[in-house]
Protein backbone atom coordinates (compact mmCIF):
# COMPACT_ATOMS: atom_id res chain seq x y z
CA MET A 1 -7.66 -7.93 -46.19
CA PRO A 2 -8.80 -10.09 -43.23
CA SER A 3 -11.02 -13.03 -44.05
CA PHE A 4 -12.46 -16.16 -42.47
CA LYS A 5 -10.33 -19.28 -42.14
CA SER A 6 -11.33 -22.84 -41.41
CA TRP A 7 -10.70 -24.02 -37.87
CA SER A 8 -8.31 -26.70 -39.13
CA GLU A 9 -6.19 -24.07 -40.88
CA VAL A 10 -5.97 -21.95 -37.73
CA TRP A 11 -5.21 -25.09 -35.69
CA GLU A 12 -2.09 -25.76 -37.75
CA GLU A 13 -1.05 -22.08 -37.85
CA GLU A 14 -1.19 -21.86 -34.04
CA LYS A 15 0.84 -25.05 -33.71
CA GLU A 16 3.46 -23.79 -36.15
CA GLU A 17 3.76 -20.41 -34.42
CA ARG A 18 4.10 -22.02 -30.98
CA SER A 19 6.73 -24.45 -32.27
CA LYS A 20 8.94 -21.49 -33.20
CA ILE A 21 9.14 -20.27 -29.60
CA ASP A 22 12.58 -20.90 -28.11
CA PRO A 23 12.22 -21.47 -24.32
CA ASN A 24 15.74 -20.11 -23.87
CA LYS A 25 14.60 -16.77 -25.30
CA ILE A 26 11.75 -16.35 -22.83
CA CYS A 27 12.21 -13.34 -20.55
CA THR A 28 11.41 -13.47 -16.84
CA PHE A 29 10.55 -10.99 -14.09
CA GLY A 30 13.48 -11.73 -11.80
CA ILE A 31 11.03 -11.79 -8.86
CA LYS A 32 10.51 -15.36 -7.73
CA CYS A 33 6.85 -15.15 -6.73
CA LEU A 34 5.94 -13.79 -10.20
CA ASP A 35 8.18 -16.19 -12.10
CA ASP A 36 6.77 -19.16 -10.16
CA ARG A 37 3.24 -18.03 -10.86
CA LEU A 38 3.54 -16.99 -14.52
CA THR A 39 6.57 -19.15 -15.56
CA GLY A 40 7.84 -16.30 -17.68
CA ILE A 41 6.83 -13.54 -20.07
CA LEU A 42 5.15 -14.78 -23.24
CA PRO A 43 6.47 -13.42 -26.56
CA ASN A 44 3.28 -11.45 -27.30
CA ASP A 45 2.53 -10.37 -23.72
CA LEU A 46 1.56 -6.81 -22.91
CA ILE A 47 2.05 -6.65 -19.15
CA ALA A 48 0.62 -3.66 -17.27
CA PHE A 49 2.32 -2.99 -13.92
CA ALA A 50 0.69 -0.49 -11.55
CA ALA A 51 1.36 0.94 -8.10
CA ASP A 52 0.84 4.16 -6.19
CA SER A 53 3.45 6.85 -6.70
CA GLY A 54 6.77 6.14 -5.00
CA LYS A 55 6.03 2.48 -4.21
CA GLY A 56 8.85 0.85 -6.18
CA LYS A 57 7.52 0.21 -9.68
CA SER A 58 10.34 2.11 -11.43
CA GLN A 59 12.99 0.19 -9.49
CA ILE A 60 11.29 -3.08 -10.44
CA MET A 61 11.47 -2.07 -14.11
CA LEU A 62 15.19 -1.23 -13.86
CA ASP A 63 15.83 -4.50 -12.06
CA MET A 64 13.86 -6.43 -14.68
CA ALA A 65 15.88 -4.81 -17.45
CA ILE A 66 19.20 -5.69 -15.82
CA HIS A 67 18.06 -9.20 -14.85
CA ASN A 68 17.14 -10.08 -18.43
CA ALA A 69 20.21 -8.37 -19.93
CA GLN A 70 22.43 -10.40 -17.60
CA ASN A 71 20.67 -13.50 -18.90
CA SER A 72 21.63 -12.66 -22.49
CA LYS A 73 18.28 -11.10 -23.46
CA LYS A 74 18.37 -7.85 -25.42
CA VAL A 75 16.32 -5.21 -23.60
CA ALA A 76 15.03 -1.81 -24.77
CA LEU A 77 14.36 0.43 -21.76
CA PHE A 78 12.27 3.61 -22.02
CA PHE A 79 12.72 5.42 -18.70
CA LEU A 80 10.39 8.30 -19.47
CA GLU A 81 10.21 9.80 -15.99
CA GLY A 82 13.82 10.95 -15.87
CA GLY A 83 15.63 9.78 -18.99
CA ALA A 84 18.73 7.64 -19.50
CA LYS A 85 21.03 9.40 -17.00
CA GLN A 86 18.55 9.17 -14.14
CA ALA A 87 17.97 5.51 -14.96
CA MET A 88 21.72 4.92 -14.81
CA SER A 89 22.02 6.79 -11.49
CA ARG A 90 19.49 4.42 -9.95
CA ILE A 91 21.14 1.38 -11.50
CA LYS A 92 24.54 2.50 -10.21
CA TRP A 93 23.26 3.18 -6.71
CA LYS A 94 21.82 -0.32 -6.40
CA LEU A 95 25.09 -1.88 -7.60
CA ILE A 96 27.11 0.32 -5.25
CA SER A 97 24.84 -0.51 -2.30
CA GLN A 98 25.01 -4.24 -2.99
CA MET A 99 28.81 -4.18 -3.16
CA TYR A 100 29.09 -1.99 -0.07
CA TYR A 101 26.97 -4.30 2.11
CA ALA A 102 28.69 -7.38 0.70
CA LYS A 103 32.36 -6.26 0.98
CA TYR A 104 32.76 -3.01 2.94
CA LYS A 105 30.28 -2.25 5.79
CA ASN A 106 32.66 0.30 7.32
CA GLY A 107 30.06 2.62 8.79
CA THR A 108 29.78 4.94 5.80
CA ASP A 109 26.49 6.82 5.57
CA MET A 110 24.78 5.13 2.59
CA ASP A 111 22.58 8.04 1.59
CA LEU A 112 21.43 8.22 -2.04
CA ARG A 113 20.74 11.95 -2.02
CA LYS A 114 24.19 12.75 -0.60
CA TRP A 115 25.78 10.54 -3.26
CA LEU A 116 23.83 12.29 -6.01
CA ILE A 117 25.17 15.72 -4.97
CA ASN A 118 28.73 14.52 -4.17
CA LYS A 119 28.32 15.16 -0.46
CA THR A 120 29.31 11.74 0.86
CA ASP A 121 31.63 11.26 3.83
CA ASN A 122 33.87 8.81 1.93
CA ALA A 123 34.24 9.94 -1.68
CA LYS A 124 37.31 7.76 -2.30
CA MET A 125 35.45 4.60 -1.29
CA PHE A 126 32.53 5.41 -3.57
CA GLU A 127 34.87 6.01 -6.52
CA GLU A 128 36.55 2.67 -5.83
CA ILE A 129 33.22 0.82 -5.63
CA GLU A 130 31.90 2.49 -8.78
CA ALA A 131 35.00 1.39 -10.70
CA LEU A 132 34.52 -2.20 -9.52
CA CYS A 133 30.82 -2.04 -10.41
CA TRP A 134 31.71 -0.89 -13.93
CA LEU A 135 33.90 -3.94 -14.48
CA GLU A 136 31.28 -6.32 -13.13
CA PHE A 137 28.36 -4.68 -14.95
CA GLN A 138 30.27 -4.59 -18.23
CA SER A 139 31.12 -8.27 -18.04
CA LYS A 140 27.55 -9.35 -17.25
CA VAL A 141 25.38 -7.01 -19.29
CA LYS A 142 27.66 -6.47 -22.31
CA ASP A 143 25.62 -4.85 -25.12
CA LYS A 144 22.28 -6.34 -24.11
CA LEU A 145 20.77 -3.22 -22.49
CA GLN A 146 19.82 -0.17 -24.56
CA ILE A 147 18.36 2.88 -22.77
CA TYR A 148 16.33 5.41 -24.76
CA ASP A 149 17.96 8.86 -24.57
CA LEU A 150 14.89 10.97 -23.87
CA ASP A 151 15.17 14.52 -25.20
CA SER A 152 11.99 16.26 -24.13
CA SER A 153 8.53 15.17 -25.20
CA PHE A 154 7.67 11.55 -26.01
CA THR A 155 4.70 10.45 -28.08
CA ILE A 156 3.44 7.10 -29.28
CA THR A 157 4.89 8.03 -32.69
CA ASP A 158 8.30 8.45 -31.04
CA LEU A 159 7.94 4.94 -29.60
CA THR A 160 7.16 3.31 -32.95
CA ASN A 161 9.87 5.29 -34.75
CA SER A 162 12.50 4.46 -32.13
CA LEU A 163 11.99 0.74 -32.68
CA GLY A 164 13.77 1.21 -35.99
CA TRP A 165 16.98 1.10 -33.91
CA PHE A 166 16.38 -2.65 -33.46
CA MET A 167 14.98 -3.36 -36.92
CA THR A 168 16.64 -6.03 -39.01
CA GLN A 169 15.59 -8.51 -41.68
CA LYS A 170 15.53 -12.26 -41.98
CA PRO A 171 14.44 -14.60 -44.75
CA GLY A 172 10.69 -15.18 -44.75
CA GLU A 173 8.47 -17.64 -46.58
CA PHE A 174 8.59 -15.57 -49.79
CA LEU A 175 10.48 -12.31 -49.09
CA MET A 176 12.76 -10.86 -46.45
CA GLU A 177 10.77 -10.07 -43.29
CA ASP A 178 11.23 -7.14 -40.90
CA VAL A 179 11.95 -8.31 -37.35
CA LEU A 180 12.90 -6.56 -34.13
CA ASP A 181 16.24 -7.72 -32.74
CA VAL A 182 15.14 -7.22 -29.15
CA ASP A 183 13.70 -9.64 -26.59
CA LEU A 184 11.90 -7.27 -24.20
CA ILE A 185 10.61 -3.69 -24.26
CA ILE A 186 10.08 -1.90 -20.93
CA ILE A 187 8.23 1.44 -20.77
CA ASP A 188 8.20 3.43 -17.52
CA HIS A 189 5.67 4.86 -17.64
CA LEU A 190 2.35 5.40 -19.42
CA GLN A 191 1.54 8.77 -17.83
CA TYR A 192 4.76 10.30 -19.25
CA PHE A 193 3.61 9.96 -22.84
CA ASP A 194 2.65 13.33 -24.33
CA MET A 195 -1.02 13.26 -25.22
CA GLN A 196 -1.76 14.64 -28.68
CA ASP A 197 -5.33 15.43 -27.63
CA SER A 198 -5.24 16.55 -23.99
CA ARG A 199 -9.01 17.16 -24.04
CA ASN A 200 -9.67 13.44 -24.26
CA GLU A 201 -7.01 11.79 -22.11
CA ASN A 202 -8.81 8.45 -21.79
CA ALA A 203 -9.00 8.07 -25.57
CA GLU A 204 -5.30 8.96 -25.88
CA VAL A 205 -4.32 6.44 -23.19
CA THR A 206 -6.37 3.76 -24.94
CA LYS A 207 -4.65 4.57 -28.24
CA ILE A 208 -1.19 4.25 -26.64
CA VAL A 209 -2.01 0.91 -25.00
CA LYS A 210 -3.59 -0.44 -28.19
CA THR A 211 -0.50 0.53 -30.17
CA CYS A 212 1.70 -1.27 -27.65
CA LYS A 213 -0.45 -4.39 -28.01
CA GLU A 214 -0.24 -4.15 -31.79
CA ILE A 215 3.57 -4.07 -31.50
CA THR A 216 3.61 -7.20 -29.34
CA ASN A 217 1.27 -9.02 -31.73
CA TYR A 218 3.02 -8.02 -34.94
CA TYR A 219 6.64 -8.51 -33.84
CA ASN A 220 6.05 -11.18 -31.17
CA ILE A 221 8.05 -9.10 -28.68
CA PRO A 222 6.69 -8.56 -25.15
CA ILE A 223 6.18 -5.11 -23.66
CA VAL A 224 6.04 -4.27 -19.96
CA LEU A 225 4.14 -1.01 -19.47
CA VAL A 226 4.02 0.82 -16.12
CA SER A 227 1.02 2.84 -14.96
CA HIS A 228 -0.07 4.85 -11.93
CA LEU A 229 -3.09 3.87 -9.87
CA ARG A 230 -6.07 6.10 -9.14
CA LYS A 231 -6.04 8.16 -5.95
CA ARG A 232 -5.97 5.73 -3.06
CA ASP A 233 -9.14 5.10 -1.09
CA LYS A 234 -8.54 4.12 2.54
CA ASP A 235 -10.66 0.97 2.11
CA ARG A 236 -9.30 0.03 -1.32
CA GLY A 237 -7.45 -3.14 -0.30
CA LEU A 238 -5.16 -4.61 -2.96
CA PRO A 239 -5.82 -2.75 -6.24
CA ASN A 240 -7.79 -4.43 -9.00
CA GLN A 241 -8.41 -3.62 -12.66
CA GLU A 242 -10.69 -0.70 -11.83
CA ASP A 243 -7.91 1.03 -9.89
CA PHE A 244 -5.65 1.68 -12.88
CA PHE A 245 -5.26 5.40 -13.48
CA GLY A 246 -7.16 6.86 -16.43
CA SER A 247 -8.89 4.54 -18.84
CA SER A 248 -10.00 1.12 -17.61
CA ASN A 249 -8.91 -0.08 -21.05
CA VAL A 250 -5.32 -0.34 -19.78
CA PRO A 251 -5.80 -3.69 -17.98
CA LYS A 252 -8.50 -4.75 -20.45
CA ILE A 253 -6.13 -4.55 -23.41
CA ALA A 254 -3.15 -5.98 -21.49
CA SER A 255 -2.63 -9.72 -21.37
CA GLN A 256 -1.49 -9.55 -17.74
CA ALA A 257 -2.20 -6.79 -15.19
CA ILE A 258 -0.13 -6.75 -11.99
CA THR A 259 -0.41 -4.42 -9.00
CA ILE A 260 2.18 -3.77 -6.29
CA THR A 261 1.17 -2.80 -2.74
CA PRO A 262 3.42 -2.27 0.32
CA GLU A 263 2.28 -3.94 3.54
CA HIS A 264 3.28 -1.13 5.90
CA SER A 265 2.30 -2.82 9.17
CA GLY A 266 5.05 -5.42 8.74
CA ALA A 267 7.83 -3.02 7.73
CA ASP A 268 11.19 -3.10 9.57
CA TYR A 269 12.42 0.44 8.98
CA GLN A 270 15.61 -0.04 11.00
CA HIS A 271 16.87 -2.80 8.72
CA GLY A 272 15.19 -1.60 5.53
CA ILE A 273 12.77 -4.53 5.13
CA TYR A 274 9.48 -3.77 3.42
CA PRO A 275 6.85 -6.51 2.85
CA THR A 276 5.14 -6.14 -0.53
CA PHE A 277 2.04 -7.72 -2.07
CA PHE A 278 2.01 -8.70 -5.74
CA ARG A 279 -1.43 -9.26 -7.20
CA ILE A 280 -2.21 -10.48 -10.71
CA CYS A 281 -5.62 -8.85 -11.15
CA LYS A 282 -6.05 -9.84 -14.81
CA SER A 283 -4.55 -12.78 -16.68
CA ARG A 284 -5.23 -14.20 -20.12
CA SER A 285 -3.10 -17.24 -19.32
CA GLY A 286 -5.16 -18.42 -16.37
CA ALA A 287 -3.28 -17.09 -13.32
CA GLU A 288 -5.55 -16.88 -10.28
CA THR A 289 -6.77 -13.30 -9.70
CA GLU A 290 -8.20 -14.05 -6.25
CA LEU A 291 -4.74 -14.72 -4.77
CA ALA A 292 -1.81 -12.46 -3.85
CA THR A 293 1.79 -13.20 -2.89
CA LEU A 294 3.68 -11.40 -0.15
CA CYS A 295 7.47 -11.11 -0.05
CA ASN A 296 9.98 -8.79 1.59
CA PHE A 297 11.92 -6.08 -0.20
CA ASN A 298 15.40 -5.41 1.22
CA SER A 299 16.23 -1.74 0.56
CA ARG A 300 19.93 -2.30 1.29
CA THR A 301 20.43 -4.86 -1.42
CA GLY A 302 17.55 -3.67 -3.61
CA GLU A 303 16.24 -7.25 -3.90
CA TYR A 304 12.92 -8.97 -3.32
CA ASP A 305 13.19 -12.05 -1.12
CA LYS A 306 12.93 -15.46 -2.75
CA HIS A 307 10.69 -16.56 0.13
CA TYR A 308 7.03 -15.61 -0.14
CA SER A 309 3.59 -16.49 1.21
CA VAL A 310 0.36 -16.96 -0.74
CA HIS A 311 -2.83 -15.25 0.48
CA THR A 312 -6.47 -15.50 -0.50
CA LEU A 313 -8.40 -12.27 -1.05
CA ILE A 314 -11.83 -11.33 0.23
CA GLN A 315 -13.22 -8.14 -1.28
CA ASP A 316 -9.68 -7.30 -2.46
CA LYS A 317 -8.22 -7.59 1.05
CA PRO A 318 -5.69 -10.27 2.11
CA SER A 319 -7.25 -13.03 4.16
CA ALA A 320 -6.02 -16.56 4.87
CA VAL A 321 -2.43 -17.70 4.25
CA LEU A 322 -2.44 -20.87 2.16
CA GLU A 323 -0.27 -23.81 3.23
CA GLY A 324 0.28 -27.44 2.30
CA ASP A 325 -2.37 -28.98 0.06
CA ARG A 326 -4.30 -25.70 -0.11
CA LEU A 327 -1.48 -24.07 -2.04
CA PRO A 328 -1.81 -23.83 -5.84
CA LYS A 329 0.42 -26.19 -7.78
CA TRP A 330 2.89 -23.46 -8.80
CA ALA A 331 3.70 -22.74 -5.14
CA ARG A 332 3.75 -26.29 -3.71
CA MET A 333 7.28 -27.21 -4.77
CA TYR A 334 8.59 -24.00 -3.26
CA ASP A 335 6.59 -24.64 -0.07
CA ALA A 336 8.06 -28.14 0.20
CA VAL A 337 11.57 -26.65 0.00
CA ASN A 338 10.71 -24.19 2.78
CA GLN A 339 9.37 -26.97 5.00
CA GLN A 340 12.53 -29.03 4.46
CA ILE A 341 14.74 -26.07 5.38
CA ALA A 342 12.68 -25.43 8.51
CA LYS A 343 12.94 -29.11 9.47
CA GLU A 344 16.71 -29.13 9.03
CA LEU A 345 17.07 -25.96 11.11
CA ALA A 346 14.90 -27.47 13.88
CA ASN A 347 17.00 -30.66 13.91
CA ALA A 348 20.20 -28.63 14.06
CA VAL A 349 18.97 -26.85 17.18
């Protein structure tokens, strides 16, 4: 039963728990502007990611899963929108596209939908690339990525039960302790959970999010949870906590809440370049919520650019671009590198 503790007791307990954290086990986003800003994903983080439908959040989750698996982190991926096979189709297509643009570029029509229905104009080439991708993926990911094989419905009970797949034991202070042998749990997405009480959706959403937070706290394993945003208002600007779909408890319970917004006016459709804003609209670790970062997404390679700009927000809308001494500390080192590169290019000309 919970009880009061003296502050000195809690002081030492916090110190002991923090001392057990292995920096090499910390997972990251694989997106430079987020990793610079947040350093990484804390062991007990519940991170809520949100974007409008079709704006790239599922691809970010797949990329995050692969990025961490390739860095020897064990990842549990729940791709609830389409299941394991659809997740693998999207993973494969990104790998195939990257290899095509890196090594082939022979004028083949790189059309995802045609590839999905076996209607490509160069089937032999795609088979060859897929075989090469298998060898490369196998060597890098090994057994670090596990994808939940969704059958039909999925409830919060299914989530908690499925974690038994990763359950193991280790010696504790007095007895053997249950631990999860997994470094990161990714759930895409919240709105695909089956609600046990459809008459009170907000209460059901809150229950799901609270259970996820309880898992992170008890097992010290981070969860990244994807959510939709409310119907877009033309004057919304970059979404904040109030724009999460359903219960406002989603970002309130989460330790970090991140929104993703395309910047359509700067898009280069011919070359597949799409500028994207990342906003941390809630942070329990002190990240600034009045700033946003902007970086390009390259649809051909499926990667977000390592270069980014930092913007202030006024009434949720991007305003000034920060430079030099006005930049926050986490972005200054990166800005100095950019300035040096620009100087070297100018001297070369």
